[in-house]
Amino acid sequence: MVIGLTMIKVRPGNEKSAYWDLKSRPEVKEVFRLFGEYNFFLVMQAQGISRFNQTLKEIQEEVKVVKTGPVLLTDDSAHDKIDSATADPVPALG
């Protein structure tokens, strides 16, 4: 699994339809509305980098995207390592 984060900007007047289109996609796990240059911040999850890239390409073509921001990809298995590394109990005080 791959988790990806990106921002997108859509054509003016298409924000509402773009939001609902993004929410309906199974690879899009979270959609946050933004103020400023970009309209949305996406948290996506896909089976691999190629599927992630394909989904992003579909979004760019179908949602009237004007611009995408930087994409940050991470392997889902890396989160398991981070979670287990930070799961140590906090020592009791005193």
PDB file of N, CA and C in Angstrom:
ATOM      1  N   MET A   1       0.828  -1.184   0.000  1.00  0.00           N
ATOM      2  CA  MET A   1       0.000   0.000   0.000  1.00  0.00           C
ATOM      3  C   MET A   1       0.875   1.252   0.000  1.00  0.00           C
ATOM      4  N   VAL A   2       0.372   2.263  -0.651  1.00  0.00           N
ATOM      5  CA  VAL A   2       1.042   3.554  -0.712  1.00  0.00           C
ATOM      6  C   VAL A   2       0.064   4.613  -0.229  1.00  0.00           C
ATOM      7  N   ILE A   3       0.543   5.501   0.626  1.00  0.00           N
ATOM      8  CA  ILE A   3      -0.249   6.636   1.064  1.00  0.00           C
ATOM      9  C   ILE A   3       0.342   7.874   0.415  1.00  0.00           C
ATOM     10  N   GLY A   4      -0.523   8.712  -0.125  1.00  0.00           N
ATOM     11  CA  GLY A   4      -0.061   9.915  -0.796  1.00  0.00           C
ATOM     12  C   GLY A   4      -0.829  11.126  -0.330  1.00  0.00           C
ATOM     13  N   LEU A   5      -0.139  12.245  -0.280  1.00  0.00           N
ATOM     14  CA  LEU A   5      -0.732  13.521   0.100  1.00  0.00           C
ATOM     15  C   LEU A   5      -0.490  14.494  -1.040  1.00  0.00           C
ATOM     16  N   THR A   6      -1.502  15.248  -1.411  1.00  0.00           N
ATOM     17  CA  THR A   6      -1.334  16.267  -2.439  1.00  0.00           C
ATOM     18  C   THR A   6      -2.388  17.344  -2.294  1.00  0.00           C
ATOM     19  N   MET A   7      -2.155  18.455  -2.946  1.00  0.00           N
ATOM     20  CA  MET A   7      -3.122  19.545  -2.989  1.00  0.00           C
ATOM     21  C   MET A   7      -3.553  19.720  -4.442  1.00  0.00           C
ATOM     22  N   ILE A   8      -4.801  20.120  -4.640  1.00  0.00           N
ATOM     23  CA  ILE A   8      -5.253  20.386  -5.994  1.00  0.00           C
ATOM     24  C   ILE A   8      -6.040  21.691  -6.035  1.00  0.00           C
ATOM     25  N   LYS A   9      -5.964  22.313  -7.195  1.00  0.00           N
ATOM     26  CA  LYS A   9      -6.719  23.532  -7.471  1.00  0.00           C
ATOM     27  C   LYS A   9      -7.611  23.222  -8.661  1.00  0.00           C
ATOM     28  N   VAL A  10      -8.892  23.557  -8.557  1.00  0.00           N
ATOM     29  CA  VAL A  10      -9.841  23.297  -9.638  1.00  0.00           C
ATOM     30  C   VAL A  10     -10.268  24.612 -10.278  1.00  0.00           C
ATOM     31  N   ARG A  11     -10.880  24.494 -11.442  1.00  0.00           N
ATOM     32  CA  ARG A  11     -11.378  25.684 -12.134  1.00  0.00           C
ATOM     33  C   ARG A  11     -12.427  26.372 -11.267  1.00  0.00           C
ATOM     34  N   PRO A  12     -12.402  27.694 -11.261  1.00  0.00           N
ATOM     35  CA  PRO A  12     -13.398  28.432 -10.476  1.00  0.00           C
ATOM     36  C   PRO A  12     -14.824  28.023 -10.865  1.00  0.00           C
ATOM     37  N   GLY A  13     -15.658  27.871  -9.848  1.00  0.00           N
ATOM     38  CA  GLY A  13     -17.038  27.472 -10.059  1.00  0.00           C
ATOM     39  C   GLY A  13     -17.256  25.971 -10.017  1.00  0.00           C
ATOM     40  N   ASN A  14     -16.168  25.187  -9.961  1.00  0.00           N
ATOM     41  CA  ASN A  14     -16.263  23.732  -9.939  1.00  0.00           C
ATOM     42  C   ASN A  14     -15.924  23.134  -8.580  1.00  0.00           C
ATOM     43  N   GLU A  15     -15.788  23.963  -7.574  1.00  0.00           N
ATOM     44  CA  GLU A  15     -15.339  23.479  -6.265  1.00  0.00           C
ATOM     45  C   GLU A  15     -16.310  22.474  -5.647  1.00  0.00           C
ATOM     46  N   LYS A  16     -17.581  22.772  -5.686  1.00  0.00           N
ATOM     47  CA  LYS A  16     -18.570  21.899  -5.039  1.00  0.00           C
ATOM     48  C   LYS A  16     -18.641  20.536  -5.724  1.00  0.00           C
ATOM     49  N   SER A  17     -18.736  20.517  -7.045  1.00  0.00           N
ATOM     50  CA  SER A  17     -18.803  19.235  -7.762  1.00  0.00           C
ATOM     51  C   SER A  17     -17.493  18.471  -7.623  1.00  0.00           C
ATOM     52  N   ALA A  18     -16.371  19.189  -7.606  1.00  0.00           N
ATOM     53  CA  ALA A  18     -15.072  18.534  -7.439  1.00  0.00           C
ATOM     54  C   ALA A  18     -14.977  17.874  -6.068  1.00  0.00           C
ATOM     55  N   TYR A  19     -15.462  18.574  -5.041  1.00  0.00           N
ATOM     56  CA  TYR A  19     -15.429  18.022  -3.683  1.00  0.00           C
ATOM     57  C   TYR A  19     -16.172  16.690  -3.622  1.00  0.00           C
ATOM     58  N   TRP A  20     -17.391  16.654  -4.161  1.00  0.00           N
ATOM     59  CA  TRP A  20     -18.186  15.425  -4.095  1.00  0.00           C
ATOM     60  C   TRP A  20     -17.600  14.328  -4.975  1.00  0.00           C
ATOM     61  N   ASP A  21     -17.003  14.692  -6.084  1.00  0.00           N
ATOM     62  CA  ASP A  21     -16.341  13.689  -6.925  1.00  0.00           C
ATOM     63  C   ASP A  21     -15.161  13.079  -6.175  1.00  0.00           C
ATOM     64  N   LEU A  22     -14.365  13.920  -5.539  1.00  0.00           N
ATOM     65  CA  LEU A  22     -13.208  13.423  -4.792  1.00  0.00           C
ATOM     66  C   LEU A  22     -13.639  12.526  -3.640  1.00  0.00           C
ATOM     67  N   LYS A  23     -14.685  12.937  -2.907  1.00  0.00           N
ATOM     68  CA  LYS A  23     -15.173  12.143  -1.776  1.00  0.00           C
ATOM     69  C   LYS A  23     -15.665  10.761  -2.209  1.00  0.00           C
ATOM     70  N   SER A  24     -16.115  10.633  -3.447  1.00  0.00           N
ATOM     71  CA  SER A  24     -16.681   9.366  -3.910  1.00  0.00           C
ATOM     72  C   SER A  24     -15.630   8.358  -4.367  1.00  0.00           C
ATOM     73  N   ARG A  25     -14.395   8.787  -4.500  1.00  0.00           N
ATOM     74  CA  ARG A  25     -13.339   7.889  -5.002  1.00  0.00           C
ATOM     75  C   ARG A  25     -12.791   7.023  -3.864  1.00  0.00           C
ATOM     76  N   PRO A  26     -12.720   5.711  -4.077  1.00  0.00           N
ATOM     77  CA  PRO A  26     -12.257   4.827  -3.000  1.00  0.00           C
ATOM     78  C   PRO A  26     -10.809   5.075  -2.581  1.00  0.00           C
ATOM     79  N   GLU A  27      -9.968   5.548  -3.485  1.00  0.00           N
ATOM     80  CA  GLU A  27      -8.565   5.804  -3.134  1.00  0.00           C
ATOM     81  C   GLU A  27      -8.393   7.080  -2.322  1.00  0.00           C
ATOM     82  N   VAL A  28      -9.368   7.972  -2.380  1.00  0.00           N
ATOM     83  CA  VAL A  28      -9.294   9.230  -1.630  1.00  0.00           C
ATOM     84  C   VAL A  28      -9.890   8.977  -0.246  1.00  0.00           C
ATOM     85  N   LYS A  29      -9.041   8.983   0.750  1.00  0.00           N
ATOM     86  CA  LYS A  29      -9.459   8.686   2.118  1.00  0.00           C
ATOM     87  C   LYS A  29      -9.962   9.919   2.859  1.00  0.00           C
ATOM     88  N   GLU A  30      -9.390  11.081   2.584  1.00  0.00           N
ATOM     89  CA  GLU A  30      -9.791  12.324   3.238  1.00  0.00           C
ATOM     90  C   GLU A  30      -9.687  13.464   2.233  1.00  0.00           C
ATOM     91  N   VAL A  31     -10.636  14.378   2.301  1.00  0.00           N
ATOM     92  CA  VAL A  31     -10.612  15.593   1.484  1.00  0.00           C
ATOM     93  C   VAL A  31     -10.794  16.769   2.437  1.00  0.00           C
ATOM     94  N   PHE A  32      -9.837  17.675   2.420  1.00  0.00           N
ATOM     95  CA  PHE A  32      -9.915  18.873   3.244  1.00  0.00           C
ATOM     96  C   PHE A  32      -9.995  20.088   2.330  1.00  0.00           C
ATOM     97  N   ARG A  33     -10.947  20.966   2.595  1.00  0.00           N
ATOM     98  CA  ARG A  33     -11.062  22.212   1.835  1.00  0.00           C
ATOM     99  C   ARG A  33     -10.027  23.201   2.354  1.00  0.00           C
ATOM    100  N   LEU A  34      -9.437  23.935   1.438  1.00  0.00           N
ATOM    101  CA  LEU A  34      -8.401  24.903   1.785  1.00  0.00           C
ATOM    102  C   LEU A  34      -8.795  26.300   1.335  1.00  0.00           C
ATOM    103  N   PHE A  35      -8.224  27.295   1.967  1.00  0.00           N
ATOM    104  CA  PHE A  35      -8.316  28.677   1.527  1.00  0.00           C
ATOM    105  C   PHE A  35      -6.945  29.045   0.993  1.00  0.00           C
ATOM    106  N   GLY A  36      -6.911  29.778  -0.089  1.00  0.00           N
ATOM    107  CA  GLY A  36      -5.634  30.177  -0.660  1.00  0.00           C
ATOM    108  C   GLY A  36      -5.486  29.666  -2.073  1.00  0.00           C
ATOM    109  N   GLU A  37      -4.261  29.387  -2.464  1.00  0.00           N
ATOM    110  CA  GLU A  37      -3.959  28.992  -3.841  1.00  0.00           C
ATOM    111  C   GLU A  37      -4.632  27.679  -4.246  1.00  0.00           C
ATOM    112  N   TYR A  38      -4.689  26.719  -3.342  1.00  0.00           N
ATOM    113  CA  TYR A  38      -5.281  25.417  -3.634  1.00  0.00           C
ATOM    114  C   TYR A  38      -6.658  25.303  -2.986  1.00  0.00           C
ATOM    115  N   ASN A  39      -7.513  24.474  -3.586  1.00  0.00           N
ATOM    116  CA  ASN A  39      -8.864  24.273  -3.067  1.00  0.00           C
ATOM    117  C   ASN A  39      -8.964  23.105  -2.096  1.00  0.00           C
ATOM    118  N   PHE A  40      -8.161  22.051  -2.340  1.00  0.00           N
ATOM    119  CA  PHE A  40      -8.292  20.821  -1.569  1.00  0.00           C
ATOM    120  C   PHE A  40      -6.939  20.219  -1.221  1.00  0.00           C
ATOM    121  N   PHE A  41      -6.910  19.574  -0.065  1.00  0.00           N
ATOM    122  CA  PHE A  41      -5.779  18.751   0.369  1.00  0.00           C
ATOM    123  C   PHE A  41      -6.308  17.328   0.428  1.00  0.00           C
ATOM    124  N   LEU A  42      -5.656  16.403  -0.261  1.00  0.00           N
ATOM    125  CA  LEU A  42      -6.124  15.018  -0.334  1.00  0.00           C
ATOM    126  C   LEU A  42      -5.188  14.075   0.396  1.00  0.00           C
ATOM    127  N   VAL A  43      -5.777  13.118   1.096  1.00  0.00           N
ATOM    128  CA  VAL A  43      -5.056  11.980   1.640  1.00  0.00           C
ATOM    129  C   VAL A  43      -5.552  10.790   0.835  1.00  0.00           C
ATOM    130  N   MET A  44      -4.634  10.135   0.127  1.00  0.00           N
ATOM    131  CA  MET A  44      -5.009   9.035  -0.755  1.00  0.00           C
ATOM    132  C   MET A  44      -4.269   7.766  -0.346  1.00  0.00           C
ATOM    133  N   GLN A  45      -4.871   6.631  -0.666  1.00  0.00           N
ATOM    134  CA  GLN A  45      -4.243   5.346  -0.407  1.00  0.00           C
ATOM    135  C   GLN A  45      -4.516   4.456  -1.612  1.00  0.00           C
ATOM    136  N   ALA A  46      -3.461   3.825  -2.131  1.00  0.00           N
ATOM    137  CA  ALA A  46      -3.597   2.967  -3.303  1.00  0.00           C
ATOM    138  C   ALA A  46      -2.735   1.722  -3.129  1.00  0.00           C
ATOM    139  N   GLN A  47      -2.987   0.735  -3.966  1.00  0.00           N
ATOM    140  CA  GLN A  47      -2.267  -0.545  -3.878  1.00  0.00           C
ATOM    141  C   GLN A  47      -0.789  -0.419  -4.237  1.00  0.00           C
ATOM    142  N   GLY A  48      -0.417   0.590  -4.970  1.00  0.00           N
ATOM    143  CA  GLY A  48       0.973   0.798  -5.344  1.00  0.00           C
ATOM    144  C   GLY A  48       1.138   2.161  -5.987  1.00  0.00           C
ATOM    145  N   ILE A  49       2.377   2.495  -6.304  1.00  0.00           N
ATOM    146  CA  ILE A  49       2.666   3.797  -6.894  1.00  0.00           C
ATOM    147  C   ILE A  49       1.975   3.952  -8.241  1.00  0.00           C
ATOM    148  N   SER A  50       1.961   2.892  -9.043  1.00  0.00           N
ATOM    149  CA  SER A  50       1.326   3.004 -10.358  1.00  0.00           C
ATOM    150  C   SER A  50      -0.174   3.268 -10.223  1.00  0.00           C
ATOM    151  N   ARG A  51      -0.839   2.612  -9.276  1.00  0.00           N
ATOM    152  CA  ARG A  51      -2.277   2.853  -9.072  1.00  0.00           C
ATOM    153  C   ARG A  51      -2.512   4.253  -8.516  1.00  0.00           C
ATOM    154  N   PHE A  52      -1.645   4.698  -7.636  1.00  0.00           N
ATOM    155  CA  PHE A  52      -1.741   6.057  -7.108  1.00  0.00           C
ATOM    156  C   PHE A  52      -1.630   7.066  -8.247  1.00  0.00           C
ATOM    157  N   ASN A  53      -0.609   6.891  -9.097  1.00  0.00           N
ATOM    158  CA  ASN A  53      -0.411   7.804 -10.219  1.00  0.00           C
ATOM    159  C   ASN A  53      -1.601   7.777 -11.173  1.00  0.00           C
ATOM    160  N   GLN A  54      -2.161   6.593 -11.417  1.00  0.00           N
ATOM    161  CA  GLN A  54      -3.318   6.474 -12.296  1.00  0.00           C
ATOM    162  C   GLN A  54      -4.521   7.219 -11.708  1.00  0.00           C
ATOM    163  N   THR A  55      -4.753   7.062 -10.422  1.00  0.00           N
ATOM    164  CA  THR A  55      -5.858   7.757  -9.766  1.00  0.00           C
ATOM    165  C   THR A  55      -5.670   9.268  -9.846  1.00  0.00           C
ATOM    166  N   LEU A  56      -4.467   9.733  -9.591  1.00  0.00           N
ATOM    167  CA  LEU A  56      -4.191  11.167  -9.664  1.00  0.00           C
ATOM    168  C   LEU A  56      -4.399  11.680 -11.083  1.00  0.00           C
ATOM    169  N   LYS A  57      -4.000  10.900 -12.064  1.00  0.00           N
ATOM    170  CA  LYS A  57      -4.206  11.282 -13.467  1.00  0.00           C
ATOM    171  C   LYS A  57      -5.696  11.368 -13.788  1.00  0.00           C
ATOM    172  N   GLU A  58      -6.484  10.387 -13.306  1.00  0.00           N
ATOM    173  CA  GLU A  58      -7.932  10.415 -13.517  1.00  0.00           C
ATOM    174  C   GLU A  58      -8.551  11.648 -12.872  1.00  0.00           C
ATOM    175  N   ILE A  59      -8.107  11.977 -11.680  1.00  0.00           N
ATOM    176  CA  ILE A  59      -8.620  13.160 -10.984  1.00  0.00           C
ATOM    177  C   ILE A  59      -8.297  14.410 -11.793  1.00  0.00           C
ATOM    178  N   GLN A  60      -7.077  14.504 -12.286  1.00  0.00           N
ATOM    179  CA  GLN A  60      -6.678  15.673 -13.057  1.00  0.00           C
ATOM    180  C   GLN A  60      -7.525  15.830 -14.317  1.00  0.00           C
ATOM    181  N   GLU A  61      -7.898  14.736 -14.937  1.00  0.00           N
ATOM    182  CA  GLU A  61      -8.673  14.794 -16.172  1.00  0.00           C
ATOM    183  C   GLU A  61     -10.161  15.015 -15.920  1.00  0.00           C
ATOM    184  N   GLU A  62     -10.711  14.423 -14.875  1.00  0.00           N
ATOM    185  CA  GLU A  62     -12.155  14.405 -14.676  1.00  0.00           C
ATOM    186  C   GLU A  62     -12.682  15.495 -13.748  1.00  0.00           C
ATOM    187  N   VAL A  63     -11.863  16.023 -12.899  1.00  0.00           N
ATOM    188  CA  VAL A  63     -12.344  16.955 -11.882  1.00  0.00           C
ATOM    189  C   VAL A  63     -12.045  18.405 -12.265  1.00  0.00           C
ATOM    190  N   LYS A  64     -11.585  18.637 -13.478  1.00  0.00           N
ATOM    191  CA  LYS A  64     -11.269  19.990 -13.948  1.00  0.00           C
ATOM    192  C   LYS A  64     -10.193  20.635 -13.090  1.00  0.00           C
ATOM    193  N   VAL A  65      -9.128  19.885 -12.869  1.00  0.00           N
ATOM    194  CA  VAL A  65      -8.003  20.360 -12.070  1.00  0.00           C
ATOM    195  C   VAL A  65      -7.168  21.342 -12.889  1.00  0.00           C
ATOM    196  N   VAL A  66      -6.850  22.457 -12.284  1.00  0.00           N
ATOM    197  CA  VAL A  66      -6.001  23.463 -12.905  1.00  0.00           C
ATOM    198  C   VAL A  66      -4.544  23.207 -12.537  1.00  0.00           C
ATOM    199  N   LYS A  67      -4.332  22.772 -11.287  1.00  0.00           N
ATOM    200  CA  LYS A  67      -2.966  22.638 -10.776  1.00  0.00           C
ATOM    201  C   LYS A  67      -2.940  21.625  -9.643  1.00  0.00           C
ATOM    202  N   THR A  68      -1.876  20.852  -9.576  1.00  0.00           N
ATOM    203  CA  THR A  68      -1.670  19.975  -8.423  1.00  0.00           C
ATOM    204  C   THR A  68      -0.432  20.445  -7.677  1.00  0.00           C
ATOM    205  N   GLY A  69      -0.461  20.266  -6.385  1.00  0.00           N
ATOM    206  CA  GLY A  69       0.686  20.627  -5.566  1.00  0.00           C
ATOM    207  C   GLY A  69       1.652  19.461  -5.493  1.00  0.00           C
ATOM    208  N   PRO A  70       2.672  19.607  -4.704  1.00  0.00           N
ATOM    209  CA  PRO A  70       3.628  18.512  -4.540  1.00  0.00           C
ATOM    210  C   PRO A  70       2.934  17.268  -3.996  1.00  0.00           C
ATOM    211  N   VAL A  71       3.442  16.126  -4.394  1.00  0.00           N
ATOM    212  CA  VAL A  71       2.905  14.848  -3.940  1.00  0.00           C
ATOM    213  C   VAL A  71       3.929  14.213  -3.010  1.00  0.00           C
ATOM    214  N   LEU A  72       3.462  13.798  -1.855  1.00  0.00           N
ATOM    215  CA  LEU A  72       4.305  13.083  -0.899  1.00  0.00           C
ATOM    216  C   LEU A  72       3.797  11.660  -0.829  1.00  0.00           C
ATOM    217  N   LEU A  73       4.654  10.697  -1.164  1.00  0.00           N
ATOM    218  CA  LEU A  73       4.279   9.291  -1.116  1.00  0.00           C
ATOM    219  C   LEU A  73       5.040   8.594  -0.013  1.00  0.00           C
ATOM    220  N   THR A  74       4.376   7.656   0.620  1.00  0.00           N
ATOM    221  CA  THR A  74       5.030   6.841   1.627  1.00  0.00           C
ATOM    222  C   THR A  74       4.472   5.430   1.557  1.00  0.00           C
ATOM    223  N   ASP A  75       5.302   4.477   1.841  1.00  0.00           N
ATOM    224  CA  ASP A  75       4.895   3.079   1.870  1.00  0.00           C
ATOM    225  C   ASP A  75       4.106   2.854   3.148  1.00  0.00           C
ATOM    226  N   ASP A  76       2.929   2.260   3.041  1.00  0.00           N
ATOM    227  CA  ASP A  76       2.058   2.031   4.193  1.00  0.00           C
ATOM    228  C   ASP A  76       2.747   1.205   5.279  1.00  0.00           C
ATOM    229  N   SER A  77       3.640   0.316   4.893  1.00  0.00           N
ATOM    230  CA  SER A  77       4.317  -0.519   5.883  1.00  0.00           C
ATOM    231  C   SER A  77       5.237   0.313   6.776  1.00  0.00           C
ATOM    232  N   ALA A  78       5.662   1.472   6.300  1.00  0.00           N
ATOM    233  CA  ALA A  78       6.506   2.343   7.117  1.00  0.00           C
ATOM    234  C   ALA A  78       5.746   2.834   8.338  1.00  0.00           C
ATOM    235  N   HIS A  79       4.436   2.990   8.224  1.00  0.00           N
ATOM    236  CA  HIS A  79       3.634   3.443   9.360  1.00  0.00           C
ATOM    237  C   HIS A  79       3.614   2.415  10.474  1.00  0.00           C
ATOM    238  N   ASP A  80       3.626   1.125  10.116  1.00  0.00           N
ATOM    239  CA  ASP A  80       3.657   0.084  11.138  1.00  0.00           C
ATOM    240  C   ASP A  80       4.935   0.183  11.951  1.00  0.00           C
ATOM    241  N   LYS A  81       6.058   0.469  11.275  1.00  0.00           N
ATOM    242  CA  LYS A  81       7.336   0.598  11.967  1.00  0.00           C
ATOM    243  C   LYS A  81       7.319   1.810  12.895  1.00  0.00           C
ATOM    244  N   ILE A  82       6.751   2.909  12.431  1.00  0.00           N
ATOM    245  CA  ILE A  82       6.681   4.118  13.251  1.00  0.00           C
ATOM    246  C   ILE A  82       5.776   3.886  14.445  1.00  0.00           C
ATOM    247  N   ASP A  83       4.608   3.274  14.206  1.00  0.00           N
ATOM    248  CA  ASP A  83       3.676   3.004  15.298  1.00  0.00           C
ATOM    249  C   ASP A  83       4.302   2.116  16.361  1.00  0.00           C
ATOM    250  N   SER A  84       5.015   1.076  15.957  1.00  0.00           N
ATOM    251  CA  SER A  84       5.606   0.171  16.942  1.00  0.00           C
ATOM    252  C   SER A  84       6.767   0.836  17.672  1.00  0.00           C
ATOM    253  N   ALA A  85       7.461   1.754  17.010  1.00  0.00           N
ATOM    254  CA  ALA A  85       8.565   2.441  17.647  1.00  0.00           C
ATOM    255  C   ALA A  85       8.078   3.444  18.682  1.00  0.00           C
ATOM    256  N   THR A  86       6.892   3.975  18.478  1.00  0.00           N
ATOM    257  CA  THR A  86       6.370   4.982  19.409  1.00  0.00           C
ATOM    258  C   THR A  86       5.367   4.386  20.389  1.00  0.00           C
ATOM    259  N   ALA A  87       5.185   3.083  20.363  1.00  0.00           N
ATOM    260  CA  ALA A  87       4.181   2.446  21.217  1.00  0.00           C
ATOM    261  C   ALA A  87       4.698   2.132  22.617  1.00  0.00           C
ATOM    262  N   ASP A  88       5.931   2.486  22.900  1.00  0.00           N
ATOM    263  CA  ASP A  88       6.467   2.212  24.229  1.00  0.00           C
ATOM    264  C   ASP A  88       5.663   2.991  25.274  1.00  0.00           C
ATOM    265  N   PRO A  89       5.338   2.350  26.386  1.00  0.00           N
ATOM    266  CA  PRO A  89       4.591   3.059  27.423  1.00  0.00           C
ATOM    267  C   PRO A  89       5.425   4.167  28.052  1.00  0.00           C
ATOM    268  N   VAL A  90       4.759   5.208  28.478  1.00  0.00           N
ATOM    269  CA  VAL A  90       5.435   6.312  29.140  1.00  0.00           C
ATOM    270  C   VAL A  90       5.766   5.872  30.560  1.00  0.00           C
ATOM    271  N   PRO A  91       7.008   6.051  30.992  1.00  0.00           N
ATOM    272  CA  PRO A  91       7.350   5.635  32.360  1.00  0.00           C
ATOM    273  C   PRO A  91       6.597   6.454  33.413  1.00  0.00           C
ATOM    274  N   ALA A  92       6.245   5.811  34.488  1.00  0.00           N
ATOM    275  CA  ALA A  92       5.516   6.468  35.578  1.00  0.00           C
ATOM    276  C   ALA A  92       6.433   7.443  36.279  1.00  0.00           C
ATOM    277  N   LEU A  93       5.886   8.543  36.697  1.00  0.00           N
ATOM    278  CA  LEU A  93       6.664   9.544  37.429  1.00  0.00           C
ATOM    279  C   LEU A  93       6.691   9.183  38.910  1.00  0.00           C
ATOM    280  N   GLY A  94       7.835   9.478  39.549  1.00  0.00           N
ATOM    281  CA  GLY A  94       7.920   9.363  41.005  1.00  0.00           C
ATOM    282  C   GLY A  94       8.365   8.064  41.412  1.00  0.00           C
TER     283      GLY A  94
END
